[in-house]
Amino acid sequence: MNNIKRILLALLASALLWGCSTDRDHLLKVYNWSDYLDLSLIEEFEQWYEEQTGEPVKVIYQTFDVNETMLSKIEKGHEDFDVVCPSDYIIERMLEGDMLLPISKEFGDTPNYIDDNLSPYIRDCFSKFRTNGLDANDYAVGYMWGTTGILYNAKYVSDEEASSWDILRNPKFADKIFIKDSARDVFSQIILFLHRDDIVSGKVTMDELMLDSSDAALSEVEGFMKQVKPLVAGWEADFGKDQMVQERGWISLNWSGDGVWAMEEAAEAGVDLRYALPKEGFTVWFDGWVIPKYARNTKAASYWINFMSRPDNVIRNVEETGYVSASGAPEVMEAFIDEEFEPLDLTYFFGPQADSIRTNPVLYPDRADIENSTMEHDWGERTPDLIAMWSRVKGENANAMTAIVIGAVFLFVLVFAVYRRMARNKKKSHRRR
């Protein structure tokens, strides 16, 4: 028998022994985004949980890359995941569809890190979810968050030009614009721009616009985006930030995490990339921990969420993933103070002691900026109409840049598939999926 067969048989035997000796009550099944956790915390949680409860637990950790993939496994497959980490609109959809269980905060002698540290801003945003009368804060705990704005090259684009969503249809930037291939995120920004005068006059609020899924609203955004389409170099999910770093693009509708990553990479190459939050308004996004209705170890799930809310673990996850935590703990604020930046009013996020904090404004916007934001909502039965509009905007034919990028990516996958299996790239993406 060769060595490979011996190893396989040993692994199979271990799996069988584990399956026979482990009660489901001592398993915790976690379903999270890829590259969204300091994985060394998993083993530490297992040890910590036993210390706190006197009970052993083994974490089964799995990852996903699309919200809807995760949701389908729970909604249609009735998968018994104990704790998952969906995005805001999916949390809303799961609450409306009665797919979540309340999170217990009874931890005995263990501190309640959830309630002690969650940012009041995040808590307030979660309370705005449409949830059939339920308080989303009883069913979800914020994990990471960010904004949607404009990443731009200061060599070719002025700060004034980047201060408005109208830049996306400026012919001056033809073939230098990248747009996120995300119907929901694009719609939300453009509907704010198109109703900017109504917002100023008080005729409508930004929050009300986020709830407008009417045919008229879809038509308005579709009309605007069809003006943008001839100028677009590519509709992208991830490669846009690389194109910006390489100066193949000058403007990108992007997420704050991707923006920071691109700005840091570009600075090393002498490229001045900046990130702007347009004056007409913009959206914020959130991901949060929830316990699905088919969970079988809700106790360990609640303890997992509590453990991940502990400030030292929050800081480790932020440093590992590059995203911004929903924690408003003083230790978190202190960890990310950077004297390079001008003071910001972050009282909305960290409390009254944070009226003059030096940190990166792309990650933590100033109060004046955040007051010009709103949050997206689930479209429910209108989702297919949103997707259909987006398909019409993009059309069937990719432009030249898109074709080139697709070809390059395909070639890259063929050449480096084996290498990528052997040596995982350690540089993290900061994007929201």
Protein backbone atom coordinates (compact mmCIF):
# COMPACT_ATOMS: atom_id res chain seq x y z
CA MET A 1 0.00 0.00 0.00
CA ASN A 2 1.50 3.38 -0.97
CA ASN A 3 1.69 6.40 1.32
CA ILE A 4 -1.25 8.24 -0.30
CA LYS A 5 -3.58 5.30 0.31
CA ARG A 6 -2.42 5.04 3.91
CA ILE A 7 -3.13 8.74 4.48
CA LEU A 8 -6.58 8.51 2.89
CA LEU A 9 -7.52 5.48 4.97
CA ALA A 10 -6.28 7.19 8.12
CA LEU A 11 -8.37 10.28 7.36
CA LEU A 12 -11.42 8.13 6.65
CA ALA A 13 -10.98 6.23 9.89
CA SER A 14 -10.65 9.48 11.84
CA ALA A 15 -13.79 10.85 10.23
CA LEU A 16 -15.73 7.70 11.10
CA LEU A 17 -14.51 7.75 14.69
CA TRP A 18 -15.42 11.44 14.99
CA GLY A 19 -18.86 10.84 13.53
CA CYS A 20 -19.51 8.01 15.97
CA SER A 21 -18.21 9.81 19.05
CA THR A 22 -19.50 13.36 18.53
CA ASP A 23 -23.02 14.46 19.41
CA ARG A 24 -24.58 17.12 17.17
CA ASP A 25 -25.02 19.20 20.32
CA HIS A 26 -21.24 19.43 20.45
CA LEU A 27 -20.86 20.55 16.83
CA LEU A 28 -21.14 24.15 15.65
CA LYS A 29 -21.69 24.63 11.93
CA VAL A 30 -20.55 28.09 10.77
CA TYR A 31 -21.19 29.42 7.24
CA ASN A 32 -19.30 32.60 6.37
CA TRP A 33 -17.84 34.57 3.45
CA SER A 34 -14.47 33.50 2.10
CA ASP A 35 -11.49 35.35 3.62
CA TYR A 36 -13.74 36.95 6.22
CA LEU A 37 -12.26 35.66 9.48
CA ASP A 38 -8.96 35.14 11.26
CA LEU A 39 -9.09 31.35 11.05
CA SER A 40 -6.85 30.89 14.08
CA LEU A 41 -9.82 32.10 16.14
CA ILE A 42 -11.74 28.91 15.41
CA GLU A 43 -9.59 26.69 17.59
CA GLU A 44 -9.40 29.41 20.23
CA PHE A 45 -13.20 29.58 20.29
CA GLU A 46 -13.43 25.84 20.87
CA GLN A 47 -11.13 26.12 23.88
CA TRP A 48 -12.84 29.27 25.18
CA TYR A 49 -16.33 27.75 24.85
CA GLU A 50 -15.36 24.74 26.93
CA GLU A 51 -13.79 27.00 29.56
CA GLN A 52 -16.96 29.10 29.76
CA THR A 53 -19.57 26.34 29.63
CA GLY A 54 -17.79 23.15 30.65
CA GLU A 55 -18.95 21.58 27.37
CA PRO A 56 -16.78 20.58 24.37
CA VAL A 57 -17.54 21.89 20.89
CA LYS A 58 -16.10 21.28 17.44
CA VAL A 59 -16.51 23.96 14.76
CA ILE A 60 -17.35 22.90 11.21
CA TYR A 61 -16.43 25.98 9.16
CA GLN A 62 -17.65 26.44 5.56
CA THR A 63 -17.56 29.43 3.21
CA PHE A 64 -19.67 30.94 0.42
CA ASP A 65 -19.16 33.71 -2.17
CA VAL A 66 -22.74 34.72 -3.01
CA ASN A 67 -25.52 35.66 -0.58
CA GLU A 68 -28.13 33.83 -2.60
CA THR A 69 -26.12 30.59 -2.52
CA MET A 70 -26.15 30.65 1.26
CA LEU A 71 -29.82 31.58 1.39
CA SER A 72 -30.86 28.83 -1.00
CA LYS A 73 -29.18 26.15 1.11
CA ILE A 74 -31.14 27.27 4.14
CA GLU A 75 -34.44 28.21 2.52
CA LYS A 76 -34.73 25.29 0.10
CA GLY A 77 -32.25 22.76 1.43
CA HIS A 78 -33.07 23.28 5.12
CA GLU A 79 -29.36 23.06 5.93
CA ASP A 80 -28.74 23.00 9.67
CA PHE A 81 -26.11 25.74 9.83
CA ASP A 82 -25.96 27.15 13.34
CA VAL A 83 -24.61 30.60 12.51
CA VAL A 84 -24.21 32.43 9.17
CA CYS A 85 -23.12 35.91 8.05
CA PRO A 86 -25.43 37.38 5.37
CA SER A 87 -25.58 40.94 4.05
CA ASP A 88 -28.16 43.51 5.10
CA TYR A 89 -30.86 42.88 2.51
CA ILE A 90 -30.61 39.10 3.01
CA ILE A 91 -30.98 39.53 6.77
CA GLU A 92 -34.11 41.52 5.99
CA ARG A 93 -35.38 38.84 3.63
CA MET A 94 -34.70 36.07 6.14
CA LEU A 95 -36.55 37.94 8.87
CA GLU A 96 -39.53 38.59 6.62
CA GLY A 97 -39.51 34.93 5.62
CA ASP A 98 -39.40 33.66 9.23
CA MET A 99 -36.01 32.02 8.69
CA LEU A 100 -34.16 33.32 11.77
CA LEU A 101 -34.10 32.54 15.47
CA PRO A 102 -33.53 35.15 18.18
CA ILE A 103 -29.98 35.36 19.53
CA SER A 104 -29.79 34.45 23.20
CA LYS A 105 -27.60 36.76 25.29
CA GLU A 106 -27.72 34.65 28.43
CA PHE A 107 -24.04 33.85 28.97
CA GLY A 108 -23.93 33.12 32.69
CA ASP A 109 -20.71 34.50 34.16
CA THR A 110 -19.32 35.27 30.69
CA PRO A 111 -19.46 39.00 29.77
CA ASN A 112 -22.00 40.07 27.16
CA TYR A 113 -19.59 41.46 24.55
CA ILE A 114 -22.44 41.94 22.06
CA ASP A 115 -24.46 44.56 23.91
CA ASP A 116 -21.40 46.08 25.57
CA ASN A 117 -19.60 46.88 22.31
CA LEU A 118 -21.94 47.10 19.31
CA SER A 119 -21.85 50.59 17.75
CA PRO A 120 -25.04 52.60 18.41
CA TYR A 121 -24.98 53.58 14.74
CA ILE A 122 -25.11 49.94 13.62
CA ARG A 123 -27.84 49.17 16.12
CA ASP A 124 -29.91 52.10 14.82
CA CYS A 125 -29.45 51.02 11.20
CA PHE A 126 -30.54 47.47 11.98
CA SER A 127 -33.68 48.82 13.61
CA LYS A 128 -34.65 50.24 10.20
CA PHE A 129 -34.88 46.82 8.56
CA ARG A 130 -38.35 45.84 7.36
CA THR A 131 -39.02 42.85 9.58
CA ASN A 132 -42.76 42.31 10.04
CA GLY A 133 -42.66 44.19 13.33
CA LEU A 134 -39.62 42.34 14.70
CA ASP A 135 -36.55 44.14 16.04
CA ALA A 136 -33.67 43.04 13.82
CA ASN A 137 -31.25 43.62 16.70
CA ASP A 138 -32.78 40.62 18.46
CA TYR A 139 -31.98 38.42 15.45
CA ALA A 140 -28.77 39.85 13.97
CA VAL A 141 -25.48 41.26 15.27
CA GLY A 142 -23.44 43.52 13.00
CA TYR A 143 -20.07 42.12 11.88
CA MET A 144 -18.60 44.42 9.19
CA TRP A 145 -19.82 47.50 7.31
CA GLY A 146 -18.85 50.06 4.65
CA THR A 147 -20.00 52.63 2.08
CA THR A 148 -20.51 52.85 -1.69
CA GLY A 149 -18.79 55.75 -3.45
CA ILE A 150 -16.48 56.82 -6.28
CA LEU A 151 -12.86 55.72 -6.54
CA TYR A 152 -10.98 58.06 -8.86
CA ASN A 153 -7.55 58.95 -10.22
CA ALA A 154 -6.67 62.48 -9.08
CA LYS A 155 -4.32 62.89 -12.04
CA TYR A 156 -7.23 62.88 -14.48
CA VAL A 157 -10.28 63.60 -12.31
CA SER A 158 -10.79 66.64 -10.08
CA ASP A 159 -12.23 66.44 -6.58
CA GLU A 160 -15.17 68.52 -7.76
CA GLU A 161 -15.94 66.16 -10.65
CA ALA A 162 -15.82 63.18 -8.29
CA SER A 163 -18.24 64.83 -5.86
CA SER A 164 -21.30 63.94 -7.96
CA TRP A 165 -22.73 60.73 -9.42
CA ASP A 166 -23.19 62.71 -12.63
CA ILE A 167 -19.54 61.99 -13.40
CA LEU A 168 -20.56 58.53 -14.58
CA ARG A 169 -22.12 59.97 -17.75
CA ASN A 170 -19.41 62.53 -18.52
CA PRO A 171 -18.09 61.77 -22.06
CA LYS A 172 -14.73 63.17 -21.00
CA PHE A 173 -14.10 59.83 -19.25
CA ALA A 174 -15.22 57.45 -22.00
CA ASP A 175 -13.67 53.97 -21.68
CA LYS A 176 -12.16 54.90 -18.33
CA ILE A 177 -15.16 54.07 -16.15
CA PHE A 178 -15.71 50.81 -14.27
CA ILE A 179 -19.06 49.99 -12.72
CA LYS A 180 -19.79 47.33 -10.12
CA ASP A 181 -21.85 44.55 -11.64
CA SER A 182 -24.39 44.92 -8.86
CA ALA A 183 -27.89 46.01 -9.81
CA ARG A 184 -28.89 46.80 -6.24
CA ASP A 185 -25.88 49.00 -5.45
CA VAL A 186 -26.01 50.90 -8.74
CA PHE A 187 -29.77 51.48 -8.61
CA SER A 188 -29.56 52.89 -5.09
CA GLN A 189 -26.94 55.51 -5.89
CA ILE A 190 -28.53 56.63 -9.16
CA ILE A 191 -32.05 56.99 -7.78
CA LEU A 192 -30.58 59.32 -5.14
CA PHE A 193 -28.89 61.39 -7.83
CA LEU A 194 -32.00 61.60 -10.01
CA HIS A 195 -34.10 62.82 -7.07
CA ARG A 196 -31.50 65.16 -5.59
CA ASP A 197 -33.75 68.22 -5.91
CA ASP A 198 -36.68 66.38 -4.32
CA ILE A 199 -34.44 65.40 -1.40
CA VAL A 200 -33.25 68.98 -0.86
CA SER A 201 -36.79 70.38 -1.04
CA GLY A 202 -38.09 67.77 1.39
CA LYS A 203 -40.47 66.26 -1.14
CA VAL A 204 -38.96 62.84 -0.52
CA THR A 205 -36.35 61.39 1.84
CA MET A 206 -33.42 59.17 0.96
CA ASP A 207 -34.90 56.41 3.11
CA GLU A 208 -38.18 56.61 1.17
CA LEU A 209 -36.32 56.35 -2.13
CA MET A 210 -34.69 53.12 -0.96
CA LEU A 211 -38.16 51.63 -0.61
CA ASP A 212 -39.26 52.65 -4.12
CA SER A 213 -39.19 49.61 -6.40
CA SER A 214 -41.83 50.93 -8.78
CA ASP A 215 -41.71 50.60 -12.55
CA ALA A 216 -41.25 54.36 -12.75
CA ALA A 217 -38.14 54.25 -10.54
CA LEU A 218 -36.69 51.36 -12.53
CA SER A 219 -37.33 53.23 -15.76
CA GLU A 220 -35.60 56.36 -14.46
CA VAL A 221 -32.46 54.50 -13.46
CA GLU A 222 -32.45 52.45 -16.67
CA GLY A 223 -32.58 55.64 -18.71
CA PHE A 224 -29.65 57.15 -16.83
CA MET A 225 -27.55 53.99 -17.05
CA LYS A 226 -28.14 53.69 -20.78
CA GLN A 227 -26.44 57.09 -21.07
CA VAL A 228 -23.58 55.69 -18.99
CA LYS A 229 -23.22 52.40 -20.87
CA PRO A 230 -21.31 53.69 -23.96
CA LEU A 231 -18.67 55.16 -21.64
CA VAL A 232 -18.14 52.03 -19.52
CA ALA A 233 -14.87 50.13 -19.85
CA GLY A 234 -16.19 47.18 -17.84
CA TRP A 235 -18.89 45.86 -15.53
CA GLU A 236 -16.92 44.19 -12.77
CA ALA A 237 -17.20 42.28 -9.54
CA ASP A 238 -13.57 42.41 -8.47
CA PHE A 239 -11.10 43.33 -11.23
CA GLY A 240 -12.02 47.04 -11.32
CA LYS A 241 -9.75 48.01 -8.46
CA ASP A 242 -6.78 46.41 -10.23
CA GLN A 243 -7.60 48.34 -13.38
CA MET A 244 -7.63 51.55 -11.33
CA VAL A 245 -4.25 50.76 -9.78
CA GLN A 246 -2.81 50.20 -13.26
CA GLU A 247 -4.43 53.45 -14.52
CA ARG A 248 -6.48 51.62 -17.13
CA GLY A 249 -9.48 53.13 -15.41
CA TRP A 250 -9.87 56.59 -13.91
CA ILE A 251 -13.28 56.25 -12.27
CA SER A 252 -14.91 53.34 -10.48
CA LEU A 253 -18.24 53.01 -8.69
CA ASN A 254 -16.87 51.04 -5.80
CA TRP A 255 -17.08 49.93 -2.18
CA SER A 256 -15.01 51.58 0.53
CA GLY A 257 -13.02 48.45 1.38
CA ASP A 258 -11.97 47.97 -2.24
CA GLY A 259 -11.19 51.67 -2.35
CA VAL A 260 -8.72 51.45 0.54
CA TRP A 261 -7.05 48.39 -0.94
CA ALA A 262 -6.67 50.10 -4.34
CA MET A 263 -5.40 53.35 -2.81
CA GLU A 264 -2.73 51.51 -0.83
CA GLU A 265 -1.60 49.48 -3.84
CA ALA A 266 -1.62 52.51 -6.12
CA ALA A 267 0.44 54.60 -3.69
CA GLU A 268 3.27 52.07 -3.94
CA ALA A 269 3.26 52.63 -7.71
CA GLY A 270 3.09 56.40 -7.42
CA VAL A 271 -0.57 56.59 -8.49
CA ASP A 272 -2.85 58.98 -6.57
CA LEU A 273 -6.22 57.28 -6.11
CA ARG A 274 -8.88 58.87 -3.93
CA TYR A 275 -12.35 57.94 -2.70
CA ALA A 276 -15.35 60.29 -2.64
CA LEU A 277 -18.86 60.12 -1.21
CA PRO A 278 -21.04 62.05 -3.70
CA LYS A 279 -22.98 65.04 -2.44
CA GLU A 280 -26.34 63.71 -3.68
CA GLY A 281 -26.14 60.88 -1.15
CA PHE A 282 -24.86 57.31 -0.99
CA THR A 283 -25.61 53.99 0.68
CA VAL A 284 -24.00 52.10 3.53
CA TRP A 285 -23.93 48.29 3.70
CA PHE A 286 -23.65 45.76 6.52
CA ASP A 287 -22.96 42.09 7.11
CA GLY A 288 -24.11 40.44 10.34
CA TRP A 289 -24.20 37.19 12.30
CA VAL A 290 -27.57 35.41 12.45
CA ILE A 291 -28.89 32.03 13.63
CA PRO A 292 -31.01 30.30 10.94
CA LYS A 293 -34.26 28.58 11.91
CA TYR A 294 -32.89 25.07 11.21
CA ALA A 295 -29.89 25.52 13.55
CA ARG A 296 -29.34 22.67 15.97
CA ASN A 297 -26.82 24.22 18.35
CA THR A 298 -28.19 27.65 19.15
CA LYS A 299 -26.31 27.88 22.45
CA ALA A 300 -22.89 27.53 20.83
CA ALA A 301 -24.05 29.84 18.01
CA SER A 302 -24.83 32.61 20.50
CA TYR A 303 -21.49 32.09 22.21
CA TRP A 304 -19.73 32.25 18.82
CA ILE A 305 -21.32 35.64 18.09
CA ASN A 306 -20.39 36.84 21.57
CA PHE A 307 -16.79 35.64 21.14
CA MET A 308 -16.46 37.42 17.80
CA SER A 309 -17.76 40.61 19.45
CA ARG A 310 -14.94 40.62 22.02
CA PRO A 311 -12.74 43.65 21.23
CA ASP A 312 -9.44 41.80 20.88
CA ASN A 313 -11.03 39.34 18.46
CA VAL A 314 -12.69 42.19 16.57
CA ILE A 315 -9.31 43.82 16.03
CA ARG A 316 -7.77 40.56 14.83
CA ASN A 317 -10.56 39.99 12.32
CA VAL A 318 -10.25 43.55 10.99
CA GLU A 319 -6.49 43.24 10.61
CA GLU A 320 -6.85 39.87 8.89
CA THR A 321 -9.65 40.75 6.48
CA GLY A 322 -9.23 44.50 5.88
CA TYR A 323 -12.91 45.23 6.49
CA VAL A 324 -14.34 47.66 9.06
CA SER A 325 -15.99 46.18 12.14
CA ALA A 326 -19.43 47.04 13.45
CA SER A 327 -17.94 47.18 16.95
CA GLY A 328 -17.95 50.51 18.73
CA ALA A 329 -15.64 49.35 21.52
CA PRO A 330 -13.09 51.94 22.74
CA GLU A 331 -10.30 49.41 22.16
CA VAL A 332 -11.29 49.16 18.49
CA MET A 333 -11.27 52.93 18.08
CA GLU A 334 -7.84 53.19 19.69
CA ALA A 335 -6.44 50.40 17.52
CA PHE A 336 -7.14 52.27 14.29
CA ILE A 337 -6.14 55.82 15.19
CA ASP A 338 -3.76 57.11 12.53
CA GLU A 339 -2.10 60.51 13.00
CA GLU A 340 -1.65 60.79 9.23
CA PHE A 341 -5.29 61.89 8.88
CA GLU A 342 -7.28 64.95 9.94
CA PRO A 343 -9.59 64.73 12.99
CA LEU A 344 -13.06 63.34 12.35
CA ASP A 345 -16.31 63.52 14.27
CA LEU A 346 -17.08 59.84 14.92
CA THR A 347 -19.44 60.38 17.83
CA TYR A 348 -22.23 58.70 15.86
CA PHE A 349 -20.22 55.47 15.83
CA PHE A 350 -18.09 55.39 19.00
CA GLY A 351 -19.94 57.78 21.31
CA PRO A 352 -19.36 61.28 22.72
CA GLN A 353 -15.66 60.70 23.40
CA ALA A 354 -15.01 60.36 19.64
CA ASP A 355 -15.54 63.97 18.58
CA SER A 356 -12.01 64.40 17.19
CA ILE A 357 -10.51 61.10 16.06
CA ARG A 358 -7.69 60.82 13.54
CA THR A 359 -8.36 57.83 11.33
CA ASN A 360 -8.93 56.95 7.68
CA PRO A 361 -12.14 58.73 6.53
CA VAL A 362 -12.71 56.12 3.82
CA LEU A 363 -13.20 53.49 6.52
CA TYR A 364 -14.88 55.74 9.10
CA PRO A 365 -16.66 58.69 7.41
CA ASP A 366 -17.13 61.91 9.32
CA ARG A 367 -20.55 62.52 10.89
CA ALA A 368 -21.30 65.22 8.29
CA ASP A 369 -20.84 62.64 5.53
CA ILE A 370 -22.67 59.78 7.18
CA GLU A 371 -25.70 62.03 7.70
CA ASN A 372 -25.96 62.14 3.91
CA SER A 373 -26.31 58.35 3.63
CA THR A 374 -29.06 55.77 3.63
CA MET A 375 -29.35 51.98 3.52
CA GLU A 376 -30.65 49.55 0.91
CA HIS A 377 -33.53 47.13 1.37
CA ASP A 378 -34.61 43.79 0.03
CA TRP A 379 -36.75 44.01 -3.11
CA GLY A 380 -38.74 40.89 -2.34
CA GLU A 381 -40.99 39.89 -5.22
CA ARG A 382 -39.68 42.83 -7.25
CA THR A 383 -36.14 41.45 -7.36
CA PRO A 384 -36.62 39.79 -10.80
CA ASP A 385 -37.71 43.17 -12.20
CA LEU A 386 -34.53 44.79 -10.85
CA ILE A 387 -32.38 42.06 -12.40
CA ALA A 388 -34.22 42.33 -15.71
CA MET A 389 -33.59 46.08 -15.81
CA TRP A 390 -29.92 45.52 -15.12
CA SER A 391 -29.68 42.94 -17.91
CA ARG A 392 -31.20 45.43 -20.34
CA VAL A 393 -28.71 48.09 -19.29
CA LYS A 394 -25.67 45.90 -19.81
CA GLY A 395 -26.98 44.26 -22.97
CA GLU A 396 -25.69 41.04 -24.46
CA ASN A 397 -22.48 42.30 -26.04
CA ALA A 398 -19.44 42.99 -23.92
CA ASN A 399 -17.27 45.91 -24.96
CA ALA A 400 -13.65 45.54 -25.98
CA MET A 401 -12.17 46.07 -22.54
CA THR A 402 -14.51 43.53 -20.98
CA ALA A 403 -13.60 40.98 -23.65
CA ILE A 404 -9.89 41.57 -23.11
CA VAL A 405 -10.21 41.21 -19.35
CA ILE A 406 -12.29 38.05 -19.61
CA GLY A 407 -9.76 36.53 -22.00
CA ALA A 408 -6.88 37.46 -19.75
CA VAL A 409 -8.58 36.02 -16.69
CA PHE A 410 -9.39 32.79 -18.53
CA LEU A 411 -5.78 32.41 -19.63
CA PHE A 412 -4.55 33.16 -16.14
CA VAL A 413 -6.77 30.46 -14.67
CA LEU A 414 -5.50 27.88 -17.15
CA VAL A 415 -1.84 28.66 -16.58
CA PHE A 416 -1.85 29.11 -12.83
CA ALA A 417 -4.59 26.74 -11.62
CA VAL A 418 -2.14 24.25 -10.17
CA TYR A 419 0.01 26.99 -8.65
CA ARG A 420 -2.97 28.63 -6.97
CA ARG A 421 -3.84 25.34 -5.33
CA MET A 422 -0.34 25.02 -3.87
CA ALA A 423 0.28 28.60 -2.76
CA ARG A 424 -2.70 30.69 -1.73
CA ASN A 425 -2.42 34.41 -2.29
CA LYS A 426 -2.14 36.13 1.09
CA LYS A 427 -3.16 39.60 -0.06
CA LYS A 428 -6.76 40.16 0.96
CA SER A 429 -9.51 41.75 -1.06
CA HIS A 430 -11.47 44.40 0.82
CA ARG A 431 -14.59 44.16 -1.24
CA ARG A 432 -18.10 43.59 -0.16
CA ARG A 433 -19.37 40.49 -1.94
